[in-house]
């Protein structure tokens, strides 16, 4: 992506940003969790997304 648009471009930033990566992961997992309903799978996915959010917070705080 960076070769095509450059290191400082918006698309390259969206792919390499820690917060943005969490959004991409959530966007791919949340529809599956919604279809799973109130099951163990849904709870595991919600926990993973929460941990991803907390990792993003920690990353921003430590930077």
PDB file of N, CA and C in Angstrom:
ATOM      1  N   UNK A   1       0.828  -1.184   0.000  1.00  0.00           N
ATOM      2  CA  UNK A   1       0.000   0.000   0.000  1.00  0.00           C
ATOM      3  C   UNK A   1       0.875   1.251   0.000  1.00  0.00           C
ATOM      4  N   UNK A   2       1.932   1.231   0.796  1.00  0.00           N
ATOM      5  CA  UNK A   2       2.796   2.403   0.902  1.00  0.00           C
ATOM      6  C   UNK A   2       3.536   2.664  -0.407  1.00  0.00           C
ATOM      7  N   UNK A   3       3.869   1.604  -1.153  1.00  0.00           N
ATOM      8  CA  UNK A   3       4.560   1.807  -2.424  1.00  0.00           C
ATOM      9  C   UNK A   3       3.671   2.525  -3.434  1.00  0.00           C
ATOM     10  N   UNK A   4       2.385   2.243  -3.364  1.00  0.00           N
ATOM     11  CA  UNK A   4       1.464   2.836  -4.330  1.00  0.00           C
ATOM     12  C   UNK A   4       1.100   4.275  -3.971  1.00  0.00           C
ATOM     13  N   UNK A   5       0.797   4.525  -2.696  1.00  0.00           N
ATOM     14  CA  UNK A   5       0.307   5.837  -2.288  1.00  0.00           C
ATOM     15  C   UNK A   5       1.334   6.678  -1.531  1.00  0.00           C
ATOM     16  N   UNK A   6       2.401   6.060  -1.068  1.00  0.00           N
ATOM     17  CA  UNK A   6       3.393   6.774  -0.271  1.00  0.00           C
ATOM     18  C   UNK A   6       3.202   6.508   1.210  1.00  0.00           C
ATOM     19  N   UNK A   7       4.275   6.648   1.962  1.00  0.00           N
ATOM     20  CA  UNK A   7       4.230   6.334   3.391  1.00  0.00           C
ATOM     21  C   UNK A   7       3.305   7.238   4.189  1.00  0.00           C
ATOM     22  N   UNK A   8       3.149   8.465   3.789  1.00  0.00           N
ATOM     23  CA  UNK A   8       2.356   9.434   4.549  1.00  0.00           C
ATOM     24  C   UNK A   8       0.923   9.584   4.034  1.00  0.00           C
ATOM     25  N   UNK A   9       0.485   8.708   3.163  1.00  0.00           N
ATOM     26  CA  UNK A   9      -0.849   8.841   2.578  1.00  0.00           C
ATOM     27  C   UNK A   9      -1.924   8.314   3.530  1.00  0.00           C
ATOM     28  N   UNK A  10      -3.135   8.714   3.291  1.00  0.00           N
ATOM     29  CA  UNK A  10      -4.266   8.263   4.096  1.00  0.00           C
ATOM     30  C   UNK A  10      -4.484   6.757   4.044  1.00  0.00           C
ATOM     31  N   UNK A  11      -4.505   6.142   2.838  1.00  0.00           N
ATOM     32  CA  UNK A  11      -4.705   4.692   2.790  1.00  0.00           C
ATOM     33  C   UNK A  11      -3.609   3.906   3.513  1.00  0.00           C
ATOM     34  N   UNK A  12      -2.368   4.333   3.386  1.00  0.00           N
ATOM     35  CA  UNK A  12      -1.275   3.642   4.093  1.00  0.00           C
ATOM     36  C   UNK A  12      -1.446   3.785   5.597  1.00  0.00           C
ATOM     37  N   UNK A  13      -1.876   4.940   6.040  1.00  0.00           N
ATOM     38  CA  UNK A  13      -2.108   5.162   7.469  1.00  0.00           C
ATOM     39  C   UNK A  13      -3.225   4.263   7.992  1.00  0.00           C
ATOM     40  N   UNK A  14      -4.310   4.119   7.222  1.00  0.00           N
ATOM     41  CA  UNK A  14      -5.428   3.288   7.654  1.00  0.00           C
ATOM     42  C   UNK A  14      -5.047   1.822   7.801  1.00  0.00           C
ATOM     43  N   UNK A  15      -4.049   1.381   7.038  1.00  0.00           N
ATOM     44  CA  UNK A  15      -3.627  -0.014   7.109  1.00  0.00           C
ATOM     45  C   UNK A  15      -2.637  -0.239   8.252  1.00  0.00           C
ATOM     46  N   UNK A  16      -1.826   0.756   8.568  1.00  0.00           N
ATOM     47  CA  UNK A  16      -0.775   0.566   9.565  1.00  0.00           C
ATOM     48  C   UNK A  16      -1.120   1.121  10.945  1.00  0.00           C
ATOM     49  N   UNK A  17      -2.148   1.907  11.065  1.00  0.00           N
ATOM     50  CA  UNK A  17      -2.546   2.496  12.351  1.00  0.00           C
ATOM     51  C   UNK A  17      -3.095   1.420  13.282  1.00  0.00           C
ATOM     52  N   UNK A  18      -2.624   1.409  14.545  1.00  0.00           N
ATOM     53  CA  UNK A  18      -3.094   0.416  15.503  1.00  0.00           C
ATOM     54  C   UNK A  18      -4.577   0.510  15.783  1.00  0.00           C
ATOM     55  N   UNK A  19      -5.085   1.720  15.921  1.00  0.00           N
ATOM     56  CA  UNK A  19      -6.517   1.901  16.154  1.00  0.00           C
ATOM     57  C   UNK A  19      -7.315   1.459  14.935  1.00  0.00           C
ATOM     58  N   UNK A  20      -6.822   1.802  13.752  1.00  0.00           N
ATOM     59  CA  UNK A  20      -7.539   1.449  12.526  1.00  0.00           C
ATOM     60  C   UNK A  20      -7.569  -0.063  12.325  1.00  0.00           C
ATOM     61  N   UNK A  21      -6.500  -0.735  12.687  1.00  0.00           N
ATOM     62  CA  UNK A  21      -6.459  -2.186  12.563  1.00  0.00           C
ATOM     63  C   UNK A  21      -7.537  -2.820  13.436  1.00  0.00           C
ATOM     64  N   UNK A  22      -7.741  -2.272  14.624  1.00  0.00           N
ATOM     65  CA  UNK A  22      -8.813  -2.763  15.488  1.00  0.00           C
ATOM     66  C   UNK A  22     -10.179  -2.581  14.858  1.00  0.00           C
ATOM     67  N   UNK A  23     -10.373  -1.488  14.174  1.00  0.00           N
ATOM     68  CA  UNK A  23     -11.648  -1.245  13.484  1.00  0.00           C
ATOM     69  C   UNK A  23     -11.852  -2.256  12.364  1.00  0.00           C
ATOM     70  N   UNK A  24     -10.787  -2.511  11.590  1.00  0.00           N
ATOM     71  CA  UNK A  24     -10.902  -3.493  10.503  1.00  0.00           C
ATOM     72  C   UNK A  24     -11.235  -4.873  11.062  1.00  0.00           C
ATOM     73  N   UNK A  25     -10.582  -5.250  12.152  1.00  0.00           N
ATOM     74  CA  UNK A  25     -10.865  -6.547  12.770  1.00  0.00           C
ATOM     75  C   UNK A  25     -12.300  -6.598  13.289  1.00  0.00           C
ATOM     76  N   UNK A  26     -12.734  -5.535  13.934  1.00  0.00           N
ATOM     77  CA  UNK A  26     -14.105  -5.486  14.453  1.00  0.00           C
ATOM     78  C   UNK A  26     -15.120  -5.553  13.321  1.00  0.00           C
ATOM     79  N   UNK A  27     -14.846  -4.858  12.241  1.00  0.00           N
ATOM     80  CA  UNK A  27     -15.778  -4.848  11.107  1.00  0.00           C
ATOM     81  C   UNK A  27     -15.936  -6.235  10.498  1.00  0.00           C
ATOM     82  N   UNK A  28     -14.906  -7.047  10.586  1.00  0.00           N
ATOM     83  CA  UNK A  28     -15.015  -8.395  10.032  1.00  0.00           C
ATOM     84  C   UNK A  28     -15.614  -9.384  11.026  1.00  0.00           C
ATOM     85  N   UNK A  29     -15.497  -9.132  12.326  1.00  0.00           N
ATOM     86  CA  UNK A  29     -15.948 -10.092  13.330  1.00  0.00           C
ATOM     87  C   UNK A  29     -17.354  -9.803  13.847  1.00  0.00           C
ATOM     88  N   UNK A  30     -17.715  -8.552  13.966  1.00  0.00           N
ATOM     89  CA  UNK A  30     -19.005  -8.205  14.572  1.00  0.00           C
ATOM     90  C   UNK A  30     -20.192  -8.791  13.810  1.00  0.00           C
ATOM     91  N   UNK A  31     -20.235  -8.759  12.486  1.00  0.00           N
ATOM     92  CA  UNK A  31     -21.382  -9.398  11.819  1.00  0.00           C
ATOM     93  C   UNK A  31     -21.496 -10.887  12.141  1.00  0.00           C
ATOM     94  N   UNK A  32     -20.363 -11.563  12.244  1.00  0.00           N
ATOM     95  CA  UNK A  32     -20.401 -12.979  12.608  1.00  0.00           C
ATOM     96  C   UNK A  32     -20.912 -13.166  14.030  1.00  0.00           C
ATOM     97  N   UNK A  33     -20.508 -12.299  14.935  1.00  0.00           N
ATOM     98  CA  UNK A  33     -20.979 -12.375  16.313  1.00  0.00           C
ATOM     99  C   UNK A  33     -22.476 -12.102  16.386  1.00  0.00           C
ATOM    100  N   UNK A  34     -22.932 -11.163  15.575  1.00  0.00           N
ATOM    101  CA  UNK A  34     -24.368 -10.862  15.562  1.00  0.00           C
ATOM    102  C   UNK A  34     -25.167 -12.075  15.109  1.00  0.00           C
ATOM    103  N   UNK A  35     -24.679 -12.765  14.093  1.00  0.00           N
ATOM    104  CA  UNK A  35     -25.366 -13.948  13.606  1.00  0.00           C
ATOM    105  C   UNK A  35     -25.315 -15.096  14.616  1.00  0.00           C
ATOM    106  N   UNK A  36     -24.270 -15.137  15.419  1.00  0.00           N
ATOM    107  CA  UNK A  36     -24.141 -16.199  16.415  1.00  0.00           C
ATOM    108  C   UNK A  36     -25.134 -16.021  17.555  1.00  0.00           C
ATOM    109  N   UNK A  37     -25.582 -14.804  17.808  1.00  0.00           N
ATOM    110  CA  UNK A  37     -26.538 -14.560  18.877  1.00  0.00           C
ATOM    111  C   UNK A  37     -25.879 -14.584  20.251  1.00  0.00           C
ATOM    112  N   UNK A  38     -26.665 -14.854  21.252  1.00  0.00           N
ATOM    113  CA  UNK A  38     -26.170 -14.860  22.633  1.00  0.00           C
ATOM    114  C   UNK A  38     -25.606 -16.243  22.971  1.00  0.00           C
ATOM    115  N   UNK A  39     -24.460 -16.532  22.381  1.00  0.00           N
ATOM    116  CA  UNK A  39     -23.809 -17.815  22.586  1.00  0.00           C
ATOM    117  C   UNK A  39     -22.418 -17.597  23.162  1.00  0.00           C
ATOM    118  N   UNK A  40     -21.758 -18.674  23.450  1.00  0.00           N
ATOM    119  CA  UNK A  40     -20.387 -18.591  23.941  1.00  0.00           C
ATOM    120  C   UNK A  40     -19.492 -17.926  22.899  1.00  0.00           C
ATOM    121  N   UNK A  41     -19.738 -18.202  21.645  1.00  0.00           N
ATOM    122  CA  UNK A  41     -18.944 -17.599  20.578  1.00  0.00           C
ATOM    123  C   UNK A  41     -19.077 -16.082  20.623  1.00  0.00           C
ATOM    124  N   UNK A  42     -20.295 -15.603  20.798  1.00  0.00           N
ATOM    125  CA  UNK A  42     -20.509 -14.167  20.879  1.00  0.00           C
ATOM    126  C   UNK A  42     -19.742 -13.564  22.050  1.00  0.00           C
ATOM    127  N   UNK A  43     -19.784 -14.221  23.179  1.00  0.00           N
ATOM    128  CA  UNK A  43     -19.078 -13.713  24.359  1.00  0.00           C
ATOM    129  C   UNK A  43     -17.571 -13.703  24.150  1.00  0.00           C
ATOM    130  N   UNK A  44     -17.040 -14.733  23.492  1.00  0.00           N
ATOM    131  CA  UNK A  44     -15.601 -14.782  23.217  1.00  0.00           C
ATOM    132  C   UNK A  44     -15.209 -13.658  22.266  1.00  0.00           C
ATOM    133  N   UNK A  45     -16.007 -13.448  21.240  1.00  0.00           N
ATOM    134  CA  UNK A  45     -15.719 -12.378  20.277  1.00  0.00           C
ATOM    135  C   UNK A  45     -15.785 -11.021  20.962  1.00  0.00           C
ATOM    136  N   UNK A  46     -16.786 -10.819  21.803  1.00  0.00           N
ATOM    137  CA  UNK A  46     -16.888  -9.552  22.519  1.00  0.00           C
ATOM    138  C   UNK A  46     -15.677  -9.345  23.416  1.00  0.00           C
ATOM    139  N   UNK A  47     -15.204 -10.408  24.055  1.00  0.00           N
ATOM    140  CA  UNK A  47     -14.023 -10.301  24.905  1.00  0.00           C
ATOM    141  C   UNK A  47     -12.788  -9.958  24.078  1.00  0.00           C
ATOM    142  N   UNK A  48     -12.647 -10.587  22.919  1.00  0.00           N
ATOM    143  CA  UNK A  48     -11.499 -10.315  22.058  1.00  0.00           C
ATOM    144  C   UNK A  48     -11.517  -8.863  21.583  1.00  0.00           C
ATOM    145  N   UNK A  49     -12.675  -8.378  21.199  1.00  0.00           N
ATOM    146  CA  UNK A  49     -12.772  -6.994  20.748  1.00  0.00           C
ATOM    147  C   UNK A  49     -12.485  -6.022  21.896  1.00  0.00           C
ATOM    148  N   UNK A  50     -12.925  -6.352  23.079  1.00  0.00           N
ATOM    149  CA  UNK A  50     -12.629  -5.512  24.235  1.00  0.00           C
ATOM    150  C   UNK A  50     -11.141  -5.479  24.516  1.00  0.00           C
ATOM    151  N   UNK A  51     -10.500  -6.636  24.437  1.00  0.00           N
ATOM    152  CA  UNK A  51      -9.051  -6.684  24.634  1.00  0.00           C
ATOM    153  C   UNK A  51      -8.319  -5.924  23.537  1.00  0.00           C
ATOM    154  N   UNK A  52      -8.827  -5.975  22.317  1.00  0.00           N
ATOM    155  CA  UNK A  52      -8.229  -5.203  21.227  1.00  0.00           C
ATOM    156  C   UNK A  52      -8.322  -3.711  21.519  1.00  0.00           C
ATOM    157  N   UNK A  53      -9.469  -3.284  22.018  1.00  0.00           N
ATOM    158  CA  UNK A  53      -9.645  -1.878  22.374  1.00  0.00           C
ATOM    159  C   UNK A  53      -8.677  -1.467  23.477  1.00  0.00           C
ATOM    160  N   UNK A  54      -8.552  -2.321  24.488  1.00  0.00           N
ATOM    161  CA  UNK A  54      -7.645  -2.012  25.585  1.00  0.00           C
ATOM    162  C   UNK A  54      -6.188  -1.991  25.115  1.00  0.00           C
ATOM    163  N   UNK A  55      -5.836  -2.854  24.181  1.00  0.00           N
ATOM    164  CA  UNK A  55      -4.481  -2.832  23.619  1.00  0.00           C
ATOM    165  C   UNK A  55      -4.245  -1.531  22.860  1.00  0.00           C
ATOM    166  N   UNK A  56      -5.266  -1.049  22.141  1.00  0.00           N
ATOM    167  CA  UNK A  56      -5.144   0.228  21.451  1.00  0.00           C
ATOM    168  C   UNK A  56      -4.978   1.379  22.419  1.00  0.00           C
ATOM    169  N   UNK A  57      -5.722   1.339  23.514  1.00  0.00           N
ATOM    170  CA  UNK A  57      -5.568   2.372  24.542  1.00  0.00           C
ATOM    171  C   UNK A  57      -4.166   2.345  25.133  1.00  0.00           C
ATOM    172  N   UNK A  58      -3.685   1.158  25.449  1.00  0.00           N
ATOM    173  CA  UNK A  58      -2.348   1.027  26.014  1.00  0.00           C
ATOM    174  C   UNK A  58      -1.283   1.506  25.039  1.00  0.00           C
ATOM    175  N   UNK A  59      -1.473   1.180  23.761  1.00  0.00           N
ATOM    176  CA  UNK A  59      -0.523   1.609  22.734  1.00  0.00           C
ATOM    177  C   UNK A  59      -0.472   3.128  22.635  1.00  0.00           C
ATOM    178  N   UNK A  60      -1.643   3.752  22.658  1.00  0.00           N
ATOM    179  CA  UNK A  60      -1.694   5.218  22.572  1.00  0.00           C
ATOM    180  C   UNK A  60      -1.107   5.845  23.828  1.00  0.00           C
ATOM    181  N   UNK A  61      -1.339   5.234  24.968  1.00  0.00           N
ATOM    182  CA  UNK A  61      -0.855   5.775  26.223  1.00  0.00           C
ATOM    183  C   UNK A  61       0.662   5.627  26.330  1.00  0.00           C
ATOM    184  N   UNK A  62       1.205   4.522  25.825  1.00  0.00           N
ATOM    185  CA  UNK A  62       2.639   4.266  25.935  1.00  0.00           C
ATOM    186  C   UNK A  62       3.450   5.014  24.878  1.00  0.00           C
ATOM    187  N   UNK A  63       2.817   5.440  23.809  1.00  0.00           N
ATOM    188  CA  UNK A  63       3.538   6.155  22.749  1.00  0.00           C
ATOM    189  C   UNK A  63       3.815   7.542  23.141  1.00  0.00           C
TER     190      UNK A  63
END
